C-alpha atoms as a PDB file:
ATOM      1  CA  MET A   1     166.486 102.556 128.042  1.00  0.00           C
ATOM      2  CA  SER A   2     166.844 103.018 131.511  1.00  0.00           C
ATOM      3  CA  VAL A   3     164.302 103.075 133.876  1.00  0.00           C
ATOM      4  CA  SER A   4     164.873 104.910 137.305  1.00  0.00           C
ATOM      5  CA  LYS A   5     163.841 103.285 140.846  1.00  0.00           C
ATOM      6  CA  GLU A   6     160.937 105.357 141.273  1.00  0.00           C
ATOM      7  CA  ARG A   7     159.283 104.778 137.551  1.00  0.00           C
ATOM      8  CA  MET A   8     159.871 100.800 138.461  1.00  0.00           C
ATOM      9  CA  TYR A   9     157.693 101.136 141.424  1.00  0.00           C
ATOM     10  CA  GLU A  10     154.994 103.265 139.797  1.00  0.00           C
ATOM     11  CA  VAL A  11     154.956 100.567 136.590  1.00  0.00           C
ATOM     12  CA  ILE A  12     154.491  97.670 138.623  1.00  0.00           C
ATOM     13  CA  ARG A  13     151.245  98.414 140.749  1.00  0.00           C
ATOM     14  CA  ARG A  14     150.893  95.162 142.486  1.00  0.00           C
ATOM     15  CA  PRO A  15     150.642  91.242 141.702  1.00  0.00           C
ATOM     16  CA  ILE A  16     147.401  89.739 140.938  1.00  0.00           C
ATOM     17  CA  ILE A  17     146.675  86.769 143.235  1.00  0.00           C
ATOM     18  CA  THR A  18     143.462  84.951 142.179  1.00  0.00           C
ATOM     19  CA  GLU A  19     142.780  81.563 141.259  1.00  0.00           C
ATOM     20  CA  LYS A  20     143.329  81.952 137.480  1.00  0.00           C
ATOM     21  CA  ALA A  21     147.018  83.819 138.442  1.00  0.00           C
ATOM     22  CA  THR A  22     148.071  81.199 140.561  1.00  0.00           C
ATOM     23  CA  LEU A  23     147.585  78.599 137.524  1.00  0.00           C
ATOM     24  CA  LEU A  24     150.267  80.505 135.780  1.00  0.00           C
ATOM     25  CA  SER A  25     152.691  79.396 138.074  1.00  0.00           C
ATOM     26  CA  GLU A  26     152.569  76.104 136.657  1.00  0.00           C
ATOM     27  CA  HIS A  27     153.888  77.632 133.331  1.00  0.00           C
ATOM     28  CA  ASN A  28     156.525  79.816 135.137  1.00  0.00           C
ATOM     29  CA  GLN A  29     154.324  83.055 134.637  1.00  0.00           C
ATOM     30  CA  VAL A  30     153.440  85.787 136.955  1.00  0.00           C
ATOM     31  CA  ALA A  31     150.429  88.106 136.734  1.00  0.00           C
ATOM     32  CA  PHE A  32     151.106  92.012 137.652  1.00  0.00           C
ATOM     33  CA  GLU A  33     148.561  95.240 137.699  1.00  0.00           C
ATOM     34  CA  VAL A  34     150.842  97.528 135.930  1.00  0.00           C
ATOM     35  CA  ALA A  35     150.547 101.565 134.735  1.00  0.00           C
ATOM     36  CA  MET A  36     148.090 102.258 131.936  1.00  0.00           C
ATOM     37  CA  ASP A  37     150.813 103.763 130.277  1.00  0.00           C
ATOM     38  CA  ALA A  38     153.721 101.344 130.826  1.00  0.00           C
ATOM     39  CA  SER A  39     155.115  99.955 127.769  1.00  0.00           C
ATOM     40  CA  LYS A  40     156.338  96.037 127.339  1.00  0.00           C
ATOM     41  CA  PRO A  41     160.076  97.083 127.343  1.00  0.00           C
ATOM     42  CA  GLU A  42     159.267  99.194 130.766  1.00  0.00           C
ATOM     43  CA  ILE A  43     157.676  96.251 132.370  1.00  0.00           C
ATOM     44  CA  ARG A  44     160.589  94.143 131.355  1.00  0.00           C
ATOM     45  CA  GLU A  45     163.184  96.265 132.859  1.00  0.00           C
ATOM     46  CA  ALA A  46     161.265  97.229 136.039  1.00  0.00           C
ATOM     47  CA  ILE A  47     160.369  93.247 136.844  1.00  0.00           C
ATOM     48  CA  GLU A  48     164.178  92.418 136.024  1.00  0.00           C
ATOM     49  CA  GLY A  49     165.236  95.460 138.130  1.00  0.00           C
ATOM     50  CA  LEU A  50     163.064  94.967 141.275  1.00  0.00           C
ATOM     51  CA  PHE A  51     163.028  91.081 141.529  1.00  0.00           C
ATOM     52  CA  LYS A  52     166.302  89.981 139.912  1.00  0.00           C
ATOM     53  CA  VAL A  53     164.894  87.608 137.430  1.00  0.00           C
ATOM     54  CA  LYS A  54     165.133  86.923 133.438  1.00  0.00           C
ATOM     55  CA  VAL A  55     162.065  87.533 131.724  1.00  0.00           C
ATOM     56  CA  THR A  56     161.301  85.788 128.757  1.00  0.00           C
ATOM     57  CA  GLY A  57     158.135  87.253 127.148  1.00  0.00           C
ATOM     58  CA  ILE A  58     155.233  89.578 128.382  1.00  0.00           C
ATOM     59  CA  ASN A  59     151.852  89.836 127.567  1.00  0.00           C
ATOM     60  CA  THR A  60     149.494  92.839 128.183  1.00  0.00           C
ATOM     61  CA  LEU A  61     145.609  93.269 128.230  1.00  0.00           C
ATOM     62  CA  ILE A  62     143.592  96.041 129.157  1.00  0.00           C
ATOM     63  CA  GLN A  63     140.393  95.408 131.573  1.00  0.00           C
ATOM     64  CA  LYS A  64     137.732  97.571 130.911  1.00  0.00           C
ATOM     65  CA  GLY A  65     135.974  98.738 134.094  1.00  0.00           C
ATOM     66  CA  LYS A  66     132.463  97.171 134.687  1.00  0.00           C
ATOM     67  CA  THR A  67     129.326  99.631 135.863  1.00  0.00           C
ATOM     68  CA  LYS A  68     128.114  98.948 139.046  1.00  0.00           C
ATOM     69  CA  THR A  69     125.475  99.967 141.061  1.00  0.00           C
ATOM     70  CA  PHE A  70     126.190 101.108 145.098  1.00  0.00           C
ATOM     71  CA  ARG A  71     123.405 102.453 147.055  1.00  0.00           C
ATOM     72  CA  GLY A  72     121.383 102.986 144.295  1.00  0.00           C
ATOM     73  CA  ARG A  73     124.054 104.994 142.285  1.00  0.00           C
ATOM     74  CA  ARG A  74     125.666 103.807 139.258  1.00  0.00           C
ATOM     75  CA  GLY A  75     129.460 104.270 139.102  1.00  0.00           C
ATOM     76  CA  LYS A  76     132.181 102.460 137.103  1.00  0.00           C
ATOM     77  CA  ARG A  77     135.281 101.091 137.784  1.00  0.00           C
ATOM     78  CA  ASP A  78     138.616 102.034 136.615  1.00  0.00           C
ATOM     79  CA  ASP A  79     140.072 100.484 133.651  1.00  0.00           C
ATOM     80  CA  LEU A  80     143.340  98.624 134.664  1.00  0.00           C
ATOM     81  CA  LYS A  81     146.074  97.120 132.708  1.00  0.00           C
ATOM     82  CA  LYS A  82     147.643  93.853 133.400  1.00  0.00           C
ATOM     83  CA  ALA A  83     150.856  92.074 132.660  1.00  0.00           C
ATOM     84  CA  ILE A  84     151.425  88.387 132.351  1.00  0.00           C
ATOM     85  CA  VAL A  85     155.027  87.900 132.729  1.00  0.00           C
ATOM     86  CA  THR A  86     156.922  84.451 131.623  1.00  0.00           C
ATOM     87  CA  LEU A  87     160.171  83.915 133.616  1.00  0.00           C
ATOM     88  CA  ALA A  88     163.058  82.076 132.446  1.00  0.00           C
ATOM     89  CA  ASP A  89     163.722  78.713 133.801  1.00  0.00           C
ATOM     90  CA  GLY A  90     164.768  78.268 137.293  1.00  0.00           C
ATOM     91  CA  ASP A  91     163.626  81.689 137.954  1.00  0.00           C
ATOM     92  CA  SER A  92     160.900  82.550 140.076  1.00  0.00           C
ATOM     93  CA  ILE A  93     158.974  85.632 142.038  1.00  0.00           C
ATOM     94  CA  ASP A  94     157.483  85.087 145.214  1.00  0.00           C
ATOM     95  CA  VAL A  95     154.678  87.722 145.314  1.00  0.00           C
ATOM     96  CA  THR A  96     153.675  86.807 149.174  1.00  0.00           C
ATOM     97  CA  THR A  97     157.298  88.398 150.448  1.00  0.00           C
ATOM     98  CA  GLY A  98     156.765  91.675 148.738  1.00  0.00           C
ATOM     99  CA  VAL A  99     159.855  93.999 147.187  1.00  0.00           C
END
């Protein structure tokens, strides 16, 4: 399966930079927000193609959007899909520099 360069940028939306996500770096893992229709093979190919690293594993999860109230009106945040990517030993991704 070959993923085009444009699709790679669609699949990988942004890195997730939170306290929990930075703790993953101790285990050689990085968290990304990905497209809802992205599959694990697509995510693997996009990460390896964009960052030139070797991916050993991918865990995905779908976070359901919360219902919130803003100025008296109820609204719902969008659902989002996260990918926890495990990298091979010696590889790393510096999420602060960008692609």
